[in-house]
PDB file of N, CA and C in Angstrom:
ATOM      1  N   MET A   1      28.144 186.982  78.558  1.00  0.00           N
ATOM      2  CA  MET A   1      29.125 185.940  78.739  1.00  0.00           C
ATOM      3  C   MET A   1      29.007 184.936  77.592  1.00  0.00           C
ATOM      4  N   ASN A   2      30.150 184.514  77.068  1.00  0.00           N
ATOM      5  CA  ASN A   2      30.172 183.533  75.989  1.00  0.00           C
ATOM      6  C   ASN A   2      30.490 182.159  76.552  1.00  0.00           C
ATOM      7  N   ILE A   3      29.966 181.136  75.897  1.00  0.00           N
ATOM      8  CA  ILE A   3      30.272 179.754  76.235  1.00  0.00           C
ATOM      9  C   ILE A   3      31.310 179.248  75.248  1.00  0.00           C
ATOM     10  N   VAL A   4      32.380 178.657  75.751  1.00  0.00           N
ATOM     11  CA  VAL A   4      33.429 178.090  74.912  1.00  0.00           C
ATOM     12  C   VAL A   4      33.443 176.586  75.155  1.00  0.00           C
ATOM     13  N   GLU A   5      33.297 175.820  74.074  1.00  0.00           N
ATOM     14  CA  GLU A   5      33.323 174.369  74.202  1.00  0.00           C
ATOM     15  C   GLU A   5      34.710 173.848  73.869  1.00  0.00           C
ATOM     16  N   ILE A   6      35.210 172.975  74.726  1.00  0.00           N
ATOM     17  CA  ILE A   6      36.500 172.336  74.485  1.00  0.00           C
ATOM     18  C   ILE A   6      36.270 170.842  74.280  1.00  0.00           C
ATOM     19  N   THR A   7      37.124 170.227  73.475  1.00  0.00           N
ATOM     20  CA  THR A   7      36.946 168.803  73.186  1.00  0.00           C
ATOM     21  C   THR A   7      37.798 167.921  74.070  1.00  0.00           C
ATOM     22  N   LYS A   8      38.826 168.513  74.702  1.00  0.00           N
ATOM     23  CA  LYS A   8      39.637 167.748  75.636  1.00  0.00           C
ATOM     24  C   LYS A   8      40.018 168.628  76.811  1.00  0.00           C
ATOM     25  N   GLU A   9      40.311 167.992  77.914  1.00  0.00           N
ATOM     26  CA  GLU A   9      40.719 168.709  79.119  1.00  0.00           C
ATOM     27  C   GLU A   9      42.056 168.167  79.571  1.00  0.00           C
ATOM     28  N   PRO A  10      42.870 168.952  80.218  1.00  0.00           N
ATOM     29  CA  PRO A  10      42.757 170.399  80.386  1.00  0.00           C
ATOM     30  C   PRO A  10      43.342 171.141  79.183  1.00  0.00           C
ATOM     31  N   VAL A  11      43.076 172.450  79.133  1.00  0.00           N
ATOM     32  CA  VAL A  11      43.631 173.333  78.106  1.00  0.00           C
ATOM     33  C   VAL A  11      44.360 174.453  78.840  1.00  0.00           C
ATOM     34  N   GLU A  12      45.523 174.827  78.347  1.00  0.00           N
ATOM     35  CA  GLU A  12      46.283 175.894  78.993  1.00  0.00           C
ATOM     36  C   GLU A  12      45.595 177.242  78.790  1.00  0.00           C
ATOM     37  N   LEU A  13      45.607 178.050  79.828  1.00  0.00           N
ATOM     38  CA  LEU A  13      44.912 179.337  79.844  1.00  0.00           C
ATOM     39  C   LEU A  13      45.277 180.217  78.662  1.00  0.00           C
ATOM     40  N   TYR A  14      46.555 180.383  78.381  1.00  0.00           N
ATOM     41  CA  TYR A  14      46.952 181.305  77.312  1.00  0.00           C
ATOM     42  C   TYR A  14      46.427 180.856  75.952  1.00  0.00           C
ATOM     43  N   LYS A  15      46.273 179.549  75.758  1.00  0.00           N
ATOM     44  CA  LYS A  15      45.757 179.037  74.482  1.00  0.00           C
ATOM     45  C   LYS A  15      44.298 179.414  74.285  1.00  0.00           C
ATOM     46  N   ILE A  16      43.522 179.372  75.347  1.00  0.00           N
ATOM     47  CA  ILE A  16      42.110 179.769  75.241  1.00  0.00           C
ATOM     48  C   ILE A  16      42.009 181.239  74.892  1.00  0.00           C
ATOM     49  N   LEU A  17      42.805 182.077  75.545  1.00  0.00           N
ATOM     50  CA  LEU A  17      42.780 183.510  75.241  1.00  0.00           C
ATOM     51  C   LEU A  17      43.110 183.751  73.767  1.00  0.00           C
ATOM     52  N   LYS A  18      44.098 183.028  73.260  1.00  0.00           N
ATOM     53  CA  LYS A  18      44.519 183.201  71.868  1.00  0.00           C
ATOM     54  C   LYS A  18      43.459 182.672  70.899  1.00  0.00           C
ATOM     55  N   PHE A  19      43.000 181.446  71.100  1.00  0.00           N
ATOM     56  CA  PHE A  19      42.060 180.830  70.154  1.00  0.00           C
ATOM     57  C   PHE A  19      40.690 181.494  70.154  1.00  0.00           C
ATOM     58  N   GLU A  20      40.315 182.120  71.251  1.00  0.00           N
ATOM     59  CA  GLU A  20      39.021 182.804  71.313  1.00  0.00           C
ATOM     60  C   GLU A  20      39.111 184.248  70.845  1.00  0.00           C
ATOM     61  N   GLY A  21      40.300 184.682  70.413  1.00  0.00           N
ATOM     62  CA  GLY A  21      40.453 186.027  69.868  1.00  0.00           C
ATOM     63  C   GLY A  21      40.428 187.127  70.909  1.00  0.00           C
ATOM     64  N   MET A  22      40.669 186.787  72.163  1.00  0.00           N
ATOM     65  CA  MET A  22      40.689 187.794  73.215  1.00  0.00           C
ATOM     66  C   MET A  22      41.990 188.596  73.159  1.00  0.00           C
ATOM     67  N   VAL A  23      43.019 188.013  72.535  1.00  0.00           N
ATOM     68  CA  VAL A  23      44.307 188.664  72.294  1.00  0.00           C
ATOM     69  C   VAL A  23      44.739 188.329  70.874  1.00  0.00           C
ATOM     70  N   ALA A  24      45.741 189.042  70.369  1.00  0.00           N
ATOM     71  CA  ALA A  24      46.172 188.855  68.983  1.00  0.00           C
ATOM     72  C   ALA A  24      47.137 187.689  68.796  1.00  0.00           C
ATOM     73  N   SER A  25      47.867 187.316  69.861  1.00  0.00           N
ATOM     74  CA  SER A  25      48.877 186.269  69.703  1.00  0.00           C
ATOM     75  C   SER A  25      49.094 185.543  71.025  1.00  0.00           C
ATOM     76  N   GLY A  26      49.797 184.421  70.928  1.00  0.00           N
ATOM     77  CA  GLY A  26      50.130 183.677  72.132  1.00  0.00           C
ATOM     78  C   GLY A  26      51.038 184.467  73.057  1.00  0.00           C
ATOM     79  N   GLY A  27      51.964 185.223  72.473  1.00  0.00           N
ATOM     80  CA  GLY A  27      52.851 186.051  73.286  1.00  0.00           C
ATOM     81  C   GLY A  27      52.093 187.119  74.051  1.00  0.00           C
ATOM     82  N   GLU A  28      51.119 187.722  73.384  1.00  0.00           N
ATOM     83  CA  GLU A  28      50.294 188.734  74.044  1.00  0.00           C
ATOM     84  C   GLU A  28      49.470 188.102  75.159  1.00  0.00           C
ATOM     85  N   ALA A  29      48.980 186.897  74.932  1.00  0.00           N
ATOM     86  CA  ALA A  29      48.202 186.185  75.949  1.00  0.00           C
ATOM     87  C   ALA A  29      49.069 185.904  77.175  1.00  0.00           C
ATOM     88  N   LYS A  30      50.276 185.410  76.947  1.00  0.00           N
ATOM     89  CA  LYS A  30      51.177 185.112  78.062  1.00  0.00           C
ATOM     90  C   LYS A  30      51.508 186.366  78.862  1.00  0.00           C
ATOM     91  N   MET A  31      51.709 187.487  78.170  1.00  0.00           N
ATOM     92  CA  MET A  31      52.021 188.736  78.850  1.00  0.00           C
ATOM     93  C   MET A  31      50.828 189.219  79.680  1.00  0.00           C
ATOM     94  N   ALA A  32      49.628 189.144  79.113  1.00  0.00           N
ATOM     95  CA  ALA A  32      48.429 189.586  79.839  1.00  0.00           C
ATOM     96  C   ALA A  32      48.245 188.780  81.117  1.00  0.00           C
ATOM     97  N   VAL A  33      48.477 187.470  81.035  1.00  0.00           N
ATOM     98  CA  VAL A  33      48.342 186.618  82.219  1.00  0.00           C
ATOM     99  C   VAL A  33      49.435 186.949  83.234  1.00  0.00           C
ATOM    100  N   ALA A  34      50.677 187.019  82.773  1.00  0.00           N
ATOM    101  CA  ALA A  34      51.803 187.288  83.677  1.00  0.00           C
ATOM    102  C   ALA A  34      51.657 188.618  84.405  1.00  0.00           C
ATOM    103  N   GLU A  35      51.034 189.600  83.750  1.00  0.00           N
ATOM    104  CA  GLU A  35      50.851 190.921  84.356  1.00  0.00           C
ATOM    105  C   GLU A  35      49.617 191.005  85.248  1.00  0.00           C
ATOM    106  N   GLY A  36      48.869 189.900  85.380  1.00  0.00           N
ATOM    107  CA  GLY A  36      47.727 189.864  86.297  1.00  0.00           C
ATOM    108  C   GLY A  36      46.453 190.464  85.754  1.00  0.00           C
ATOM    109  N   HIS A  37      46.284 190.506  84.423  1.00  0.00           N
ATOM    110  CA  HIS A  37      45.087 191.088  83.823  1.00  0.00           C
ATOM    111  C   HIS A  37      43.964 190.082  83.595  1.00  0.00           C
ATOM    112  N   VAL A  38      44.203 188.814  83.930  1.00  0.00           N
ATOM    113  CA  VAL A  38      43.230 187.761  83.653  1.00  0.00           C
ATOM    114  C   VAL A  38      42.738 187.169  84.966  1.00  0.00           C
ATOM    115  N   LEU A  39      41.420 186.969  85.050  1.00  0.00           N
ATOM    116  CA  LEU A  39      40.822 186.319  86.217  1.00  0.00           C
ATOM    117  C   LEU A  39      40.327 184.942  85.817  1.00  0.00           C
ATOM    118  N   VAL A  40      40.555 183.967  86.684  1.00  0.00           N
ATOM    119  CA  VAL A  40      39.993 182.628  86.504  1.00  0.00           C
ATOM    120  C   VAL A  40      39.169 182.343  87.747  1.00  0.00           C
ATOM    121  N   ASN A  41      37.887 182.098  87.532  1.00  0.00           N
ATOM    122  CA  ASN A  41      36.958 181.845  88.640  1.00  0.00           C
ATOM    123  C   ASN A  41      36.989 182.969  89.676  1.00  0.00           C
ATOM    124  N   GLY A  42      37.099 184.209  89.181  1.00  0.00           N
ATOM    125  CA  GLY A  42      37.027 185.379  90.041  1.00  0.00           C
ATOM    126  C   GLY A  42      38.314 185.768  90.738  1.00  0.00           C
ATOM    127  N   GLU A  43      39.413 185.038  90.491  1.00  0.00           N
ATOM    128  CA  GLU A  43      40.684 185.345  91.136  1.00  0.00           C
ATOM    129  C   GLU A  43      41.755 185.642  90.096  1.00  0.00           C
ATOM    130  N   VAL A  44      42.647 186.589  90.409  1.00  0.00           N
ATOM    131  CA  VAL A  44      43.742 186.922  89.496  1.00  0.00           C
ATOM    132  C   VAL A  44      44.605 185.687  89.284  1.00  0.00           C
ATOM    133  N   GLU A  45      44.888 185.402  88.027  1.00  0.00           N
ATOM    134  CA  GLU A  45      45.724 184.244  87.680  1.00  0.00           C
ATOM    135  C   GLU A  45      46.958 184.724  86.938  1.00  0.00           C
ATOM    136  N   THR A  46      48.130 184.357  87.418  1.00  0.00           N
ATOM    137  CA  THR A  46      49.374 184.776  86.773  1.00  0.00           C
ATOM    138  C   THR A  46      50.136 183.599  86.155  1.00  0.00           C
ATOM    139  N   ARG A  47      49.573 182.405  86.234  1.00  0.00           N
ATOM    140  CA  ARG A  47      50.220 181.232  85.624  1.00  0.00           C
ATOM    141  C   ARG A  47      49.671 181.061  84.211  1.00  0.00           C
ATOM    142  N   LYS A  48      50.481 181.377  83.208  1.00  0.00           N
ATOM    143  CA  LYS A  48      50.010 181.324  81.822  1.00  0.00           C
ATOM    144  C   LYS A  48      49.676 179.912  81.369  1.00  0.00           C
ATOM    145  N   ARG A  49      50.252 178.914  82.008  1.00  0.00           N
ATOM    146  CA  ARG A  49      49.974 177.529  81.651  1.00  0.00           C
ATOM    147  C   ARG A  49      48.968 176.880  82.606  1.00  0.00           C
ATOM    148  N   ARG A  50      48.232 177.703  83.324  1.00  0.00           N
ATOM    149  CA  ARG A  50      47.181 177.201  84.215  1.00  0.00           C
ATOM    150  C   ARG A  50      46.267 176.278  83.428  1.00  0.00           C
ATOM    151  N   LYS A  51      45.982 175.122  83.984  1.00  0.00           N
ATOM    152  CA  LYS A  51      45.133 174.145  83.317  1.00  0.00           C
ATOM    153  C   LYS A  51      43.667 174.517  83.528  1.00  0.00           C
ATOM    154  N   ILE A  52      42.975 174.755  82.409  1.00  0.00           N
ATOM    155  CA  ILE A  52      41.563 175.141  82.438  1.00  0.00           C
ATOM    156  C   ILE A  52      40.719 173.903  82.127  1.00  0.00           C
ATOM    157  N   VAL A  53      39.678 173.697  82.922  1.00  0.00           N
ATOM    158  CA  VAL A  53      38.786 172.554  82.734  1.00  0.00           C
ATOM    159  C   VAL A  53      37.342 173.042  82.643  1.00  0.00           C
ATOM    160  N   SER A  54      36.461 172.132  82.272  1.00  0.00           N
ATOM    161  CA  SER A  54      35.040 172.455  82.159  1.00  0.00           C
ATOM    162  C   SER A  54      34.528 173.067  83.464  1.00  0.00           C
ATOM    163  N   GLY A  55      33.767 174.136  83.337  1.00  0.00           N
ATOM    164  CA  GLY A  55      33.218 174.820  84.503  1.00  0.00           C
ATOM    165  C   GLY A  55      33.981 176.075  84.887  1.00  0.00           C
ATOM    166  N   ASP A  56      35.215 176.219  84.408  1.00  0.00           N
ATOM    167  CA  ASP A  56      36.004 177.405  84.726  1.00  0.00           C
ATOM    168  C   ASP A  56      35.473 178.631  83.996  1.00  0.00           C
ATOM    169  N   MET A  57      35.562 179.782  84.640  1.00  0.00           N
ATOM    170  CA  MET A  57      35.182 181.052  84.046  1.00  0.00           C
ATOM    171  C   MET A  57      36.425 181.918  83.923  1.00  0.00           C
ATOM    172  N   ILE A  58      36.612 182.492  82.731  1.00  0.00           N
ATOM    173  CA  ILE A  58      37.772 183.335  82.459  1.00  0.00           C
ATOM    174  C   ILE A  58      37.287 184.742  82.153  1.00  0.00           C
ATOM    175  N   GLU A  59      37.923 185.739  82.769  1.00  0.00           N
ATOM    176  CA  GLU A  59      37.597 187.140  82.528  1.00  0.00           C
ATOM    177  C   GLU A  59      38.853 187.873  82.089  1.00  0.00           C
ATOM    178  N   PHE A  60      38.715 188.649  81.011  1.00  0.00           N
ATOM    179  CA  PHE A  60      39.825 189.465  80.522  1.00  0.00           C
ATOM    180  C   PHE A  60      39.218 190.718  79.918  1.00  0.00           C
ATOM    181  N   GLY A  61      39.564 191.869  80.479  1.00  0.00           N
ATOM    182  CA  GLY A  61      38.961 193.119  80.024  1.00  0.00           C
ATOM    183  C   GLY A  61      37.459 193.070  80.252  1.00  0.00           C
ATOM    184  N   ASP A  62      36.698 193.377  79.210  1.00  0.00           N
ATOM    185  CA  ASP A  62      35.234 193.362  79.304  1.00  0.00           C
ATOM    186  C   ASP A  62      34.640 192.010  78.928  1.00  0.00           C
ATOM    187  N   GLU A  63      35.485 191.043  78.598  1.00  0.00           N
ATOM    188  CA  GLU A  63      34.993 189.752  78.130  1.00  0.00           C
ATOM    189  C   GLU A  63      34.994 188.705  79.231  1.00  0.00           C
ATOM    190  N   LYS A  64      33.935 187.883  79.239  1.00  0.00           N
ATOM    191  CA  LYS A  64      33.825 186.757  80.165  1.00  0.00           C
ATOM    192  C   LYS A  64      33.467 185.527  79.341  1.00  0.00           C
ATOM    193  N   ILE A  65      34.172 184.437  79.612  1.00  0.00           N
ATOM    194  CA  ILE A  65      33.815 183.196  78.938  1.00  0.00           C
ATOM    195  C   ILE A  65      33.700 182.073  79.965  1.00  0.00           C
ATOM    196  N   GLN A  66      32.763 181.195  79.705  1.00  0.00           N
ATOM    197  CA  GLN A  66      32.552 180.001  80.525  1.00  0.00           C
ATOM    198  C   GLN A  66      33.001 178.807  79.692  1.00  0.00           C
ATOM    199  N   VAL A  67      33.845 177.962  80.252  1.00  0.00           N
ATOM    200  CA  VAL A  67      34.376 176.817  79.526  1.00  0.00           C
ATOM    201  C   VAL A  67      33.522 175.593  79.816  1.00  0.00           C
ATOM    202  N   GLN A  68      33.126 174.894  78.744  1.00  0.00           N
ATOM    203  CA  GLN A  68      32.336 173.667  78.877  1.00  0.00           C
ATOM    204  C   GLN A  68      32.930 172.580  78.005  1.00  0.00           C
ATOM    205  N   ARG A  69      32.790 171.359  78.436  1.00  0.00           N
ATOM    206  CA  ARG A  69      33.253 170.208  77.644  1.00  0.00           C
ATOM    207  C   ARG A  69      32.222 169.933  76.558  1.00  0.00           C
ATOM    208  N   ALA A  70      32.702 169.784  75.322  1.00  0.00           N
ATOM    209  CA  ALA A  70      31.804 169.524  74.177  1.00  0.00           C
ATOM    210  C   ALA A  70      31.296 168.106  74.224  1.00  0.00           C
TER     211      ALA A  70
END
């Protein structure tokens, strides 16, 4: 599991997927979320603009990241 530090809260889910290189583009991130391929805190999340805050865990494919405030 990787730790991702954010400098402000909240951050939209699709932006984290894009900036962390889990997907190639913002459009791909939005599609992955809309199709139910992303878990937030162990539950399927389909809201691409879901607000992510410190302590949230995101899972996509084989990757897991924990979000922390810098």
